C-alpha atoms as a PDB file:
ATOM      1  CA  MET A   1      27.964  48.951   4.438  1.00  0.00           C
ATOM      2  CA  HIS A   2      28.436  49.962   0.580  1.00  0.00           C
ATOM      3  CA  VAL A   3      25.375  50.700  -0.862  1.00  0.00           C
ATOM      4  CA  SER A   4      25.122  50.017  -5.095  1.00  0.00           C
ATOM      5  CA  ILE A   5      22.552  52.506  -5.737  1.00  0.00           C
ATOM      6  CA  SER A   6      20.660  50.752  -8.713  1.00  0.00           C
ATOM      7  CA  ILE A   7      18.592  53.215 -11.217  1.00  0.00           C
ATOM      8  CA  VAL A   8      16.943  51.730 -14.423  1.00  0.00           C
ATOM      9  CA  GLY A   9      16.787  54.360 -16.925  1.00  0.00           C
ATOM     10  CA  TYR A  10      14.560  55.104 -19.759  1.00  0.00           C
ATOM     11  CA  ARG A  11      14.829  58.483 -22.058  1.00  0.00           C
ATOM     12  CA  ASN A  12      14.908  60.465 -18.667  1.00  0.00           C
ATOM     13  CA  ALA A  13      17.928  61.489 -18.081  1.00  0.00           C
ATOM     14  CA  ASP A  14      16.610  64.857 -16.276  1.00  0.00           C
ATOM     15  CA  ASP A  15      14.628  62.941 -13.774  1.00  0.00           C
ATOM     16  CA  ILE A  16      18.489  60.844 -12.787  1.00  0.00           C
ATOM     17  CA  ALA A  17      19.828  63.854 -12.886  1.00  0.00           C
ATOM     18  CA  ALA A  18      17.684  65.441 -10.699  1.00  0.00           C
ATOM     19  CA  CYS A  19      17.698  62.021  -8.539  1.00  0.00           C
ATOM     20  CA  LEU A  20      21.889  62.014  -8.213  1.00  0.00           C
ATOM     21  CA  ARG A  21      21.707  66.073  -6.938  1.00  0.00           C
ATOM     22  CA  ALA A  22      19.134  64.141  -4.445  1.00  0.00           C
ATOM     23  CA  LEU A  23      21.720  61.625  -3.511  1.00  0.00           C
ATOM     24  CA  GLU A  24      24.736  64.102  -3.221  1.00  0.00           C
ATOM     25  CA  ALA A  25      23.030  66.035   0.088  1.00  0.00           C
ATOM     26  CA  GLY A  26      22.357  62.720   1.052  1.00  0.00           C
ATOM     27  CA  THR A  27      24.014  62.474   4.525  1.00  0.00           C
ATOM     28  CA  TYR A  28      25.441  58.746   4.091  1.00  0.00           C
ATOM     29  CA  ALA A  29      28.285  58.700   1.924  1.00  0.00           C
ATOM     30  CA  ASP A  30      29.350  54.796   1.528  1.00  0.00           C
ATOM     31  CA  PHE A  31      27.493  54.245  -2.323  1.00  0.00           C
ATOM     32  CA  SER A  32      28.165  54.296  -5.654  1.00  0.00           C
ATOM     33  CA  VAL A  33      26.061  54.747  -8.375  1.00  0.00           C
ATOM     34  CA  PHE A  34      24.756  52.565 -11.428  1.00  0.00           C
ATOM     35  CA  ILE A  35      22.488  53.251 -13.823  1.00  0.00           C
ATOM     36  CA  CYS A  36      21.222  50.544 -16.502  1.00  0.00           C
ATOM     37  CA  GLU A  37      19.356  52.933 -19.890  1.00  0.00           C
ATOM     38  CA  ASN A  38      17.154  50.725 -21.668  1.00  0.00           C
ATOM     39  CA  GLY A  39      16.412  53.287 -23.979  1.00  0.00           C
ATOM     40  CA  GLY A  40      18.370  52.739 -26.545  1.00  0.00           C
ATOM     41  CA  ASP A  41      21.509  54.972 -28.412  1.00  0.00           C
ATOM     42  CA  GLU A  42      20.331  58.185 -28.452  1.00  0.00           C
ATOM     43  CA  ALA A  43      18.839  57.908 -24.235  1.00  0.00           C
ATOM     44  CA  PHE A  44      22.000  56.800 -23.529  1.00  0.00           C
ATOM     45  CA  GLN A  45      24.275  59.771 -25.101  1.00  0.00           C
ATOM     46  CA  ARG A  46      21.849  62.324 -23.310  1.00  0.00           C
ATOM     47  CA  LEU A  47      22.368  60.637 -20.237  1.00  0.00           C
ATOM     48  CA  VAL A  48      25.786  60.271 -20.010  1.00  0.00           C
ATOM     49  CA  ALA A  49      25.901  64.374 -20.977  1.00  0.00           C
ATOM     50  CA  ALA A  50      23.036  65.014 -18.509  1.00  0.00           C
ATOM     51  CA  VAL A  51      24.900  63.051 -15.241  1.00  0.00           C
ATOM     52  CA  PRO A  52      28.702  63.063 -14.071  1.00  0.00           C
ATOM     53  CA  THR A  53      31.267  60.030 -13.382  1.00  0.00           C
ATOM     54  CA  ARG A  54      31.528  61.358  -9.648  1.00  0.00           C
ATOM     55  CA  LEU A  55      29.146  63.180  -7.476  1.00  0.00           C
ATOM     56  CA  ALA A  56      30.402  65.728  -5.246  1.00  0.00           C
ATOM     57  CA  GLY A  57      31.140  63.401  -2.428  1.00  0.00           C
ATOM     58  CA  GLY A  58      33.593  61.348  -4.237  1.00  0.00           C
ATOM     59  CA  GLN A  59      30.904  58.867  -5.034  1.00  0.00           C
ATOM     60  CA  SER A  60      31.288  56.941  -8.330  1.00  0.00           C
ATOM     61  CA  VAL A  61      27.839  56.667 -11.090  1.00  0.00           C
ATOM     62  CA  THR A  62      28.402  54.104 -13.727  1.00  0.00           C
ATOM     63  CA  THR A  63      26.399  54.204 -16.929  1.00  0.00           C
ATOM     64  CA  HIS A  64      25.697  51.219 -18.912  1.00  0.00           C
ATOM     65  CA  GLN A  65      23.659  51.207 -22.234  1.00  0.00           C
ATOM     66  CA  ALA A  66      21.267  47.655 -22.028  1.00  0.00           C
ATOM     67  CA  GLY A  67      21.475  45.858 -25.774  1.00  0.00           C
ATOM     68  CA  GLY A  68      17.293  46.832 -25.801  1.00  0.00           C
ATOM     69  CA  ASN A  69      14.478  47.670 -23.200  1.00  0.00           C
ATOM     70  CA  LEU A  70      14.869  45.201 -20.934  1.00  0.00           C
ATOM     71  CA  GLY A  71      12.132  46.002 -18.515  1.00  0.00           C
ATOM     72  CA  PHE A  72      12.210  46.429 -15.620  1.00  0.00           C
ATOM     73  CA  ALA A  73      13.197  43.836 -13.977  1.00  0.00           C
ATOM     74  CA  GLY A  74      15.708  43.059 -16.560  1.00  0.00           C
ATOM     75  CA  GLY A  75      17.590  46.331 -16.317  1.00  0.00           C
ATOM     76  CA  VAL A  76      17.449  45.839 -12.063  1.00  0.00           C
ATOM     77  CA  ASN A  77      19.222  42.197 -12.710  1.00  0.00           C
ATOM     78  CA  VAL A  78      21.971  44.615 -15.203  1.00  0.00           C
ATOM     79  CA  CYS A  79      22.371  46.644 -11.646  1.00  0.00           C
ATOM     80  CA  LEU A  80      22.610  43.634  -9.611  1.00  0.00           C
ATOM     81  CA  LYS A  81      24.971  41.258 -11.897  1.00  0.00           C
ATOM     82  CA  SER A  82      27.155  44.257 -12.586  1.00  0.00           C
ATOM     83  CA  THR A  83      27.930  45.218  -8.506  1.00  0.00           C
ATOM     84  CA  PRO A  84      28.420  41.934  -7.282  1.00  0.00           C
ATOM     85  CA  ASP A  85      30.526  43.224  -4.469  1.00  0.00           C
ATOM     86  CA  ALA A  86      28.034  45.258  -2.978  1.00  0.00           C
ATOM     87  CA  ASP A  87      26.884  44.699   1.035  1.00  0.00           C
ATOM     88  CA  ALA A  88      23.644  45.943   0.205  1.00  0.00           C
ATOM     89  CA  TRP A  89      21.836  47.631  -2.863  1.00  0.00           C
ATOM     90  CA  TRP A  90      19.338  50.294  -3.430  1.00  0.00           C
ATOM     91  CA  ILE A  91      16.641  49.573  -6.592  1.00  0.00           C
ATOM     92  CA  LEU A  92      15.803  53.485  -7.057  1.00  0.00           C
ATOM     93  CA  ASN A  93      13.437  54.896  -9.663  1.00  0.00           C
ATOM     94  CA  PRO A  94      14.772  57.177 -11.522  1.00  0.00           C
ATOM     95  CA  ASP A  95      11.719  60.280 -11.117  1.00  0.00           C
ATOM     96  CA  THR A  96      12.601  59.882  -7.137  1.00  0.00           C
ATOM     97  CA  GLN A  97      14.593  62.479  -5.167  1.00  0.00           C
ATOM     98  CA  PRO A  98      15.441  60.888  -1.493  1.00  0.00           C
ATOM     99  CA  ASP A  99      15.284  63.160   1.200  1.00  0.00           C
ATOM    100  CA  PRO A 100      19.097  63.355   2.832  1.00  0.00           C
ATOM    101  CA  ASP A 101      18.777  61.410   6.118  1.00  0.00           C
ATOM    102  CA  ALA A 102      16.697  58.291   3.715  1.00  0.00           C
ATOM    103  CA  LEU A 103      19.813  56.174   2.660  1.00  0.00           C
ATOM    104  CA  GLY A 104      21.198  56.135   6.592  1.00  0.00           C
ATOM    105  CA  ALA A 105      17.708  55.445   8.334  1.00  0.00           C
ATOM    106  CA  MET A 106      17.807  52.438   5.635  1.00  0.00           C
ATOM    107  CA  VAL A 107      21.039  50.990   6.042  1.00  0.00           C
ATOM    108  CA  ALA A 108      20.340  51.011   9.813  1.00  0.00           C
ATOM    109  CA  ARG A 109      17.451  49.481  10.206  1.00  0.00           C
ATOM    110  CA  LEU A 110      18.890  46.752   8.101  1.00  0.00           C
ATOM    111  CA  LYS A 111      22.133  46.538  10.145  1.00  0.00           C
ATOM    112  CA  VAL A 112      19.889  45.587  13.101  1.00  0.00           C
ATOM    113  CA  GLY A 113      19.795  42.267  11.485  1.00  0.00           C
ATOM    114  CA  ASP A 114      16.443  40.774  11.512  1.00  0.00           C
ATOM    115  CA  VAL A 115      15.041  41.763   8.525  1.00  0.00           C
ATOM    116  CA  ASP A 116      16.972  41.177   5.065  1.00  0.00           C
ATOM    117  CA  ALA A 117      15.153  43.736   2.821  1.00  0.00           C
ATOM    118  CA  VAL A 118      13.942  47.160   3.758  1.00  0.00           C
ATOM    119  CA  GLY A 119      11.329  49.736   2.696  1.00  0.00           C
ATOM    120  CA  CYS A 120      10.778  54.110   3.334  1.00  0.00           C
ATOM    121  CA  THR A 121       8.226  56.500   2.834  1.00  0.00           C
ATOM    122  CA  LEU A 122       7.241  57.058  -0.604  1.00  0.00           C
ATOM    123  CA  TYR A 123       5.232  60.788  -0.906  1.00  0.00           C
ATOM    124  CA  ARG A 124       4.515  62.783  -3.610  1.00  0.00           C
ATOM    125  CA  GLU A 125       4.730  66.819  -4.205  1.00  0.00           C
ATOM    126  CA  THR A 126       1.920  67.725  -2.194  1.00  0.00           C
ATOM    127  CA  GLY A 127       3.259  66.368   0.759  1.00  0.00           C
ATOM    128  CA  GLU A 128       1.150  63.357   0.939  1.00  0.00           C
ATOM    129  CA  VAL A 129       2.088  59.616   1.329  1.00  0.00           C
ATOM    130  CA  GLN A 130       1.921  57.614  -1.873  1.00  0.00           C
ATOM    131  CA  SER A 131       3.020  54.419   0.025  1.00  0.00           C
ATOM    132  CA  HIS A 132       5.159  53.274   3.412  1.00  0.00           C
ATOM    133  CA  GLY A 133       4.660  49.623   1.951  1.00  0.00           C
ATOM    134  CA  GLY A 134       2.908  47.261   0.278  1.00  0.00           C
ATOM    135  CA  ARG A 135       0.221  44.474   1.127  1.00  0.00           C
ATOM    136  CA  TRP A 136      -0.990  41.758  -1.425  1.00  0.00           C
ATOM    137  CA  ARG A 137      -4.570  40.498  -1.422  1.00  0.00           C
ATOM    138  CA  ALA A 138      -3.895  37.797  -3.077  1.00  0.00           C
ATOM    139  CA  TRP A 139      -7.853  36.277  -3.869  1.00  0.00           C
ATOM    140  CA  LEU A 140      -8.435  39.585  -5.130  1.00  0.00           C
ATOM    141  CA  ALA A 141      -5.591  39.685  -7.085  1.00  0.00           C
ATOM    142  CA  ARG A 142      -4.468  43.325  -5.881  1.00  0.00           C
ATOM    143  CA  ALA A 143      -2.021  45.806  -4.025  1.00  0.00           C
ATOM    144  CA  GLU A 144      -2.620  47.750  -1.379  1.00  0.00           C
ATOM    145  CA  SER A 145      -0.292  51.054  -0.834  1.00  0.00           C
ATOM    146  CA  ILE A 146      -0.162  51.164   3.145  1.00  0.00           C
ATOM    147  CA  GLY A 147      -0.788  54.824   4.254  1.00  0.00           C
ATOM    148  CA  ASN A 148      -1.730  55.880   0.516  1.00  0.00           C
ATOM    149  CA  GLY A 149      -3.248  59.172   1.034  1.00  0.00           C
ATOM    150  CA  SER A 150      -2.022  59.944   4.264  1.00  0.00           C
ATOM    151  CA  ARG A 151       0.129  63.091   5.378  1.00  0.00           C
ATOM    152  CA  LEU A 152       3.667  62.877   5.762  1.00  0.00           C
ATOM    153  CA  GLU A 153       3.478  64.914   8.963  1.00  0.00           C
ATOM    154  CA  THR A 154       1.511  61.593  10.437  1.00  0.00           C
ATOM    155  CA  PRO A 155       3.501  59.432  12.853  1.00  0.00           C
ATOM    156  CA  VAL A 156       4.043  56.024  11.514  1.00  0.00           C
ATOM    157  CA  ASP A 157       4.245  52.942  13.189  1.00  0.00           C
ATOM    158  CA  GLY A 158       7.044  51.382  12.437  1.00  0.00           C
ATOM    159  CA  GLY A 159       6.089  47.814  13.776  1.00  0.00           C
ATOM    160  CA  ALA A 160       2.874  47.741  12.638  1.00  0.00           C
ATOM    161  CA  VAL A 161       3.646  48.917   8.744  1.00  0.00           C
ATOM    162  CA  GLU A 162       6.519  45.862   8.770  1.00  0.00           C
ATOM    163  CA  ARG A 163       3.352  43.159  10.195  1.00  0.00           C
ATOM    164  CA  ALA A 164       1.476  44.453   7.699  1.00  0.00           C
ATOM    165  CA  GLN A 165       3.318  45.123   4.918  1.00  0.00           C
ATOM    166  CA  SER A 166       3.729  41.471   2.121  1.00  0.00           C
ATOM    167  CA  PHE A 167       5.976  43.694  -0.130  1.00  0.00           C
ATOM    168  CA  LEU A 168       8.300  46.806  -0.879  1.00  0.00           C
ATOM    169  CA  ASN A 169       7.153  49.651  -3.228  1.00  0.00           C
ATOM    170  CA  GLY A 170       9.253  49.045  -5.950  1.00  0.00           C
ATOM    171  CA  ALA A 171      10.231  52.854  -6.578  1.00  0.00           C
ATOM    172  CA  SER A 172      12.659  51.850  -2.928  1.00  0.00           C
ATOM    173  CA  MET A 173      13.660  49.137  -1.612  1.00  0.00           C
ATOM    174  CA  LEU A 174      17.287  48.199  -0.336  1.00  0.00           C
ATOM    175  CA  ILE A 175      18.192  44.973  -0.694  1.00  0.00           C
ATOM    176  CA  GLY A 176      20.470  42.842   1.777  1.00  0.00           C
ATOM    177  CA  ARG A 177      22.958  40.327   0.440  1.00  0.00           C
ATOM    178  CA  ARG A 178      20.943  37.721   2.577  1.00  0.00           C
ATOM    179  CA  PHE A 179      17.944  38.369   0.462  1.00  0.00           C
ATOM    180  CA  LEU A 180      19.445  38.173  -2.952  1.00  0.00           C
ATOM    181  CA  GLU A 181      21.954  35.044  -2.482  1.00  0.00           C
ATOM    182  CA  THR A 182      18.690  33.481  -1.327  1.00  0.00           C
ATOM    183  CA  VAL A 183      15.696  34.269  -3.388  1.00  0.00           C
ATOM    184  CA  GLY A 184      18.056  35.366  -6.737  1.00  0.00           C
ATOM    185  CA  LEU A 185      17.434  38.150  -9.121  1.00  0.00           C
ATOM    186  CA  MET A 186      13.719  39.718 -10.238  1.00  0.00           C
ATOM    187  CA  ARG A 187      11.611  37.188 -12.493  1.00  0.00           C
ATOM    188  CA  GLU A 188      12.000  39.347 -15.927  1.00  0.00           C
ATOM    189  CA  ASP A 189       9.022  37.669 -18.002  1.00  0.00           C
ATOM    190  CA  TYR A 190       6.620  40.540 -15.867  1.00  0.00           C
ATOM    191  CA  PHE A 191       8.321  42.931 -18.072  1.00  0.00           C
ATOM    192  CA  LEU A 192       6.836  45.624 -16.184  1.00  0.00           C
ATOM    193  CA  TYR A 193       5.063  46.240 -13.376  1.00  0.00           C
ATOM    194  CA  ALA A 194       3.907  43.753 -10.192  1.00  0.00           C
ATOM    195  CA  GLU A 195       7.721  42.327 -10.177  1.00  0.00           C
ATOM    196  CA  GLU A 196       8.428  43.934  -7.068  1.00  0.00           C
ATOM    197  CA  GLY A 197       5.495  41.653  -5.480  1.00  0.00           C
ATOM    198  CA  GLU A 198       6.640  38.714  -6.386  1.00  0.00           C
ATOM    199  CA  TRP A 199       9.813  39.059  -5.698  1.00  0.00           C
ATOM    200  CA  PHE A 200       9.009  39.751  -2.466  1.00  0.00           C
ATOM    201  CA  LEU A 201       6.001  37.179  -1.852  1.00  0.00           C
ATOM    202  CA  ARG A 202       8.582  34.586  -2.915  1.00  0.00           C
ATOM    203  CA  ALA A 203      11.236  35.606  -0.879  1.00  0.00           C
ATOM    204  CA  ALA A 204       8.946  35.267   2.216  1.00  0.00           C
ATOM    205  CA  ARG A 205       8.254  31.396   1.385  1.00  0.00           C
ATOM    206  CA  HIS A 206      11.882  31.319   1.512  1.00  0.00           C
ATOM    207  CA  GLY A 207      11.674  33.141   5.081  1.00  0.00           C
ATOM    208  CA  MET A 208      13.211  36.685   4.207  1.00  0.00           C
ATOM    209  CA  ARG A 209      11.584  39.388   6.109  1.00  0.00           C
ATOM    210  CA  LEU A 210      10.857  42.770   5.142  1.00  0.00           C
ATOM    211  CA  GLY A 211      11.574  45.651   7.517  1.00  0.00           C
ATOM    212  CA  PHE A 212      10.254  49.242   6.991  1.00  0.00           C
ATOM    213  CA  ALA A 213      12.155  52.906   7.762  1.00  0.00           C
ATOM    214  CA  PRO A 214       9.895  55.405   9.191  1.00  0.00           C
ATOM    215  CA  GLY A 215      12.934  58.175   9.267  1.00  0.00           C
ATOM    216  CA  ALA A 216      13.416  57.123   5.338  1.00  0.00           C
ATOM    217  CA  ARG A 217      11.386  59.075   2.879  1.00  0.00           C
ATOM    218  CA  VAL A 218      11.427  59.553  -0.560  1.00  0.00           C
ATOM    219  CA  LYS A 219       9.482  61.796  -3.070  1.00  0.00           C
ATOM    220  CA  HIS A 220       8.481  59.881  -6.003  1.00  0.00           C
ATOM    221  CA  ALA A 221       6.800  61.455  -9.568  1.00  0.00           C
ATOM    222  CA  HIS A 222       4.618  58.066  -9.445  1.00  0.00           C
ATOM    223  CA  GLY A 223       4.183  56.887 -13.459  1.00  0.00           C
ATOM    224  CA  ALA A 224       6.326  59.386 -14.966  1.00  0.00           C
ATOM    225  CA  THR A 225       7.616  57.462 -17.154  1.00  0.00           C
ATOM    226  CA  THR A 226       4.804  55.295 -18.242  1.00  0.00           C
ATOM    227  CA  GLY A 227       2.504  57.715 -18.213  1.00  0.00           C
ATOM    228  CA  SER A 228       0.538  55.926 -15.656  1.00  0.00           C
ATOM    229  CA  ASN A 229      -0.014  59.299 -13.912  1.00  0.00           C
ATOM    230  CA  ALA A 230      -2.303  60.964 -16.481  1.00  0.00           C
ATOM    231  CA  GLY A 231      -6.275  61.661 -15.923  1.00  0.00           C
ATOM    232  CA  LEU A 232      -8.032  57.950 -16.099  1.00  0.00           C
ATOM    233  CA  LYS A 233      -9.409  58.372 -20.008  1.00  0.00           C
ATOM    234  CA  SER A 234      -6.074  59.373 -21.178  1.00  0.00           C
ATOM    235  CA  ARG A 235      -3.825  56.603 -19.750  1.00  0.00           C
ATOM    236  CA  PRO A 236      -2.183  54.360 -22.149  1.00  0.00           C
ATOM    237  CA  ARG A 237      -2.348  51.262 -23.101  1.00  0.00           C
ATOM    238  CA  LEU A 238       1.131  49.671 -21.682  1.00  0.00           C
ATOM    239  CA  PRO A 239       0.960  50.734 -18.041  1.00  0.00           C
ATOM    240  CA  ILE A 240      -3.108  49.456 -17.633  1.00  0.00           C
ATOM    241  CA  TYR A 241      -2.141  46.234 -20.462  1.00  0.00           C
ATOM    242  CA  LEU A 242       0.372  45.618 -17.829  1.00  0.00           C
ATOM    243  CA  ASP A 243      -1.268  45.854 -14.584  1.00  0.00           C
ATOM    244  CA  GLU A 244      -3.676  44.052 -15.471  1.00  0.00           C
ATOM    245  CA  ARG A 245      -1.587  41.007 -16.950  1.00  0.00           C
ATOM    246  CA  ASN A 246       0.800  41.029 -14.403  1.00  0.00           C
ATOM    247  CA  ARG A 247      -1.733  40.400 -11.574  1.00  0.00           C
ATOM    248  CA  MET A 248      -2.447  37.581 -13.429  1.00  0.00           C
ATOM    249  CA  LEU A 249       0.744  35.894 -14.168  1.00  0.00           C
ATOM    250  CA  LEU A 250       1.573  36.751 -10.404  1.00  0.00           C
ATOM    251  CA  THR A 251      -2.008  34.658  -8.871  1.00  0.00           C
ATOM    252  CA  ARG A 252      -0.339  31.849 -11.342  1.00  0.00           C
ATOM    253  CA  ASP A 253       2.734  31.675 -10.394  1.00  0.00           C
ATOM    254  CA  LEU A 254       2.165  31.971  -6.715  1.00  0.00           C
ATOM    255  CA  PHE A 255      -1.161  31.416  -6.089  1.00  0.00           C
ATOM    256  CA  PRO A 256      -2.758  28.849  -9.030  1.00  0.00           C
ATOM    257  CA  GLY A 257      -5.189  27.510  -6.892  1.00  0.00           C
ATOM    258  CA  ARG A 258      -6.779  31.198  -6.414  1.00  0.00           C
ATOM    259  CA  LEU A 259      -6.598  31.854 -10.065  1.00  0.00           C
ATOM    260  CA  PRO A 260     -10.588  31.437 -10.711  1.00  0.00           C
ATOM    261  CA  VAL A 261     -11.533  33.502  -7.787  1.00  0.00           C
ATOM    262  CA  ALA A 262      -8.938  36.045  -8.097  1.00  0.00           C
ATOM    263  CA  ALA A 263      -9.790  36.664 -12.049  1.00  0.00           C
ATOM    264  CA  LEU A 264     -13.261  37.191 -11.622  1.00  0.00           C
ATOM    265  CA  ALA A 265     -12.585  39.533  -8.946  1.00  0.00           C
ATOM    266  CA  ALA A 266      -9.811  40.989 -11.259  1.00  0.00           C
ATOM    267  CA  LEU A 267     -12.182  41.471 -13.765  1.00  0.00           C
ATOM    268  CA  GLY A 268     -14.716  42.912 -11.448  1.00  0.00           C
ATOM    269  CA  GLN A 269     -12.198  45.374 -10.118  1.00  0.00           C
ATOM    270  CA  LEU A 270     -11.067  47.047 -13.600  1.00  0.00           C
ATOM    271  CA  PHE A 271     -14.798  47.508 -14.623  1.00  0.00           C
ATOM    272  CA  MET A 272     -15.259  49.398 -11.467  1.00  0.00           C
ATOM    273  CA  ARG A 273     -12.498  51.389 -12.448  1.00  0.00           C
ATOM    274  CA  TYR A 274     -12.624  52.498 -15.733  1.00  0.00           C
ATOM    275  CA  GLY A 275     -16.062  50.992 -16.984  1.00  0.00           C
ATOM    276  CA  ARG A 276     -18.314  52.307 -14.287  1.00  0.00           C
ATOM    277  CA  ARG A 277     -16.754  55.626 -15.315  1.00  0.00           C
ATOM    278  CA  GLY A 278     -17.184  56.232 -19.176  1.00  0.00           C
ATOM    279  CA  ALA A 279     -13.476  55.085 -19.779  1.00  0.00           C
ATOM    280  CA  TRP A 280     -14.293  52.517 -21.986  1.00  0.00           C
ATOM    281  CA  THR A 281     -10.609  52.573 -23.788  1.00  0.00           C
ATOM    282  CA  GLN A 282      -8.916  52.059 -21.367  1.00  0.00           C
ATOM    283  CA  PHE A 283     -11.169  49.032 -19.770  1.00  0.00           C
ATOM    284  CA  GLY A 284     -10.289  47.211 -22.883  1.00  0.00           C
ATOM    285  CA  TYR A 285      -6.477  47.684 -22.791  1.00  0.00           C
ATOM    286  CA  GLY A 286      -6.854  46.832 -19.196  1.00  0.00           C
ATOM    287  CA  PHE A 287      -9.394  43.596 -20.199  1.00  0.00           C
ATOM    288  CA  SER A 288      -6.966  42.411 -22.888  1.00  0.00           C
ATOM    289  CA  GLY A 289      -4.023  42.325 -20.534  1.00  0.00           C
ATOM    290  CA  TRP A 290      -6.438  40.498 -18.233  1.00  0.00           C
ATOM    291  CA  ALA A 291      -7.103  38.126 -20.863  1.00  0.00           C
ATOM    292  CA  ALA A 292      -3.082  37.590 -21.920  1.00  0.00           C
ATOM    293  CA  GLY A 293      -2.067  37.085 -18.449  1.00  0.00           C
ATOM    294  CA  LEU A 294      -4.999  34.286 -18.470  1.00  0.00           C
ATOM    295  CA  ARG A 295      -3.775  33.091 -21.593  1.00  0.00           C
ATOM    296  CA  ASN A 296       0.183  32.700 -19.712  1.00  0.00           C
ATOM    297  CA  GLU A 297       1.497  35.602 -22.006  1.00  0.00           C
ATOM    298  CA  ARG A 298       4.391  37.117 -20.525  1.00  0.00           C
ATOM    299  CA  GLY A 299       7.818  39.559 -21.792  1.00  0.00           C
ATOM    300  CA  PRO A 300       7.503  42.767 -23.577  1.00  0.00           C
ATOM    301  CA  PRO A 301       3.749  43.210 -25.146  1.00  0.00           C
ATOM    302  CA  SER A 302       3.895  42.316 -28.694  1.00  0.00           C
ATOM    303  CA  ASN A 303       1.961  45.498 -29.416  1.00  0.00           C
END
């Protein structure tokens, strides 16, 4: 099974180079890499200078400059459309470093044939689990990360994760050909955040099934590109705005009858996260995104 590894970059050539070094150490060799750079001319030149055209195992590395900042989904779609002959696609964040056995374990799970996309364990530098998979709470318009905060060495029940998850974490997701041919590409009008949730929730309506490979582990520097991992009162506008906006858009697109309840629940969560802690600037960012979602505003934010 030939896997096309799809990476969307945004002015983070050093992260991508580190990711490729981790891929070189992998035990599964039948893959190629396609990188879509969203960050403009200068960023693309830095990327070309930082990454090889072939890895040590002979795998090709293709770099592509997008015509502008297409957002995450737009960049992913460029990767998918540019590699139509692959058997599967591993969408991988630039700020990840997969363990050597990660891809092999995910491919093995996909090959069983009873699932159409496969997730893994994402973990932090500290050894804490970020996510085994995601669960969407439609009435709350809330995404929950399964296993978040547990220790990496804690045994994981793969079957339990598969029964619980409703989406895969967008930082690492192996997509099979049947999934892509049935569901189609990611929605680009979200621009950034929640697009993977929408993709997999939409896929479930087409009968697609999600797997989990307990032996697949990927280290993730969460929020390295967007700044969403900064301290509460230091977080920039863009990730907060888009996260809140797109929760409303996902609800509008897939659960429209729940929008009134979900909108109130999301507003309450926003206050609990920022307002009660005195992060009023960040609350304002989130409130403007929440309101934009209710107005059905889409695409890149205007400011």
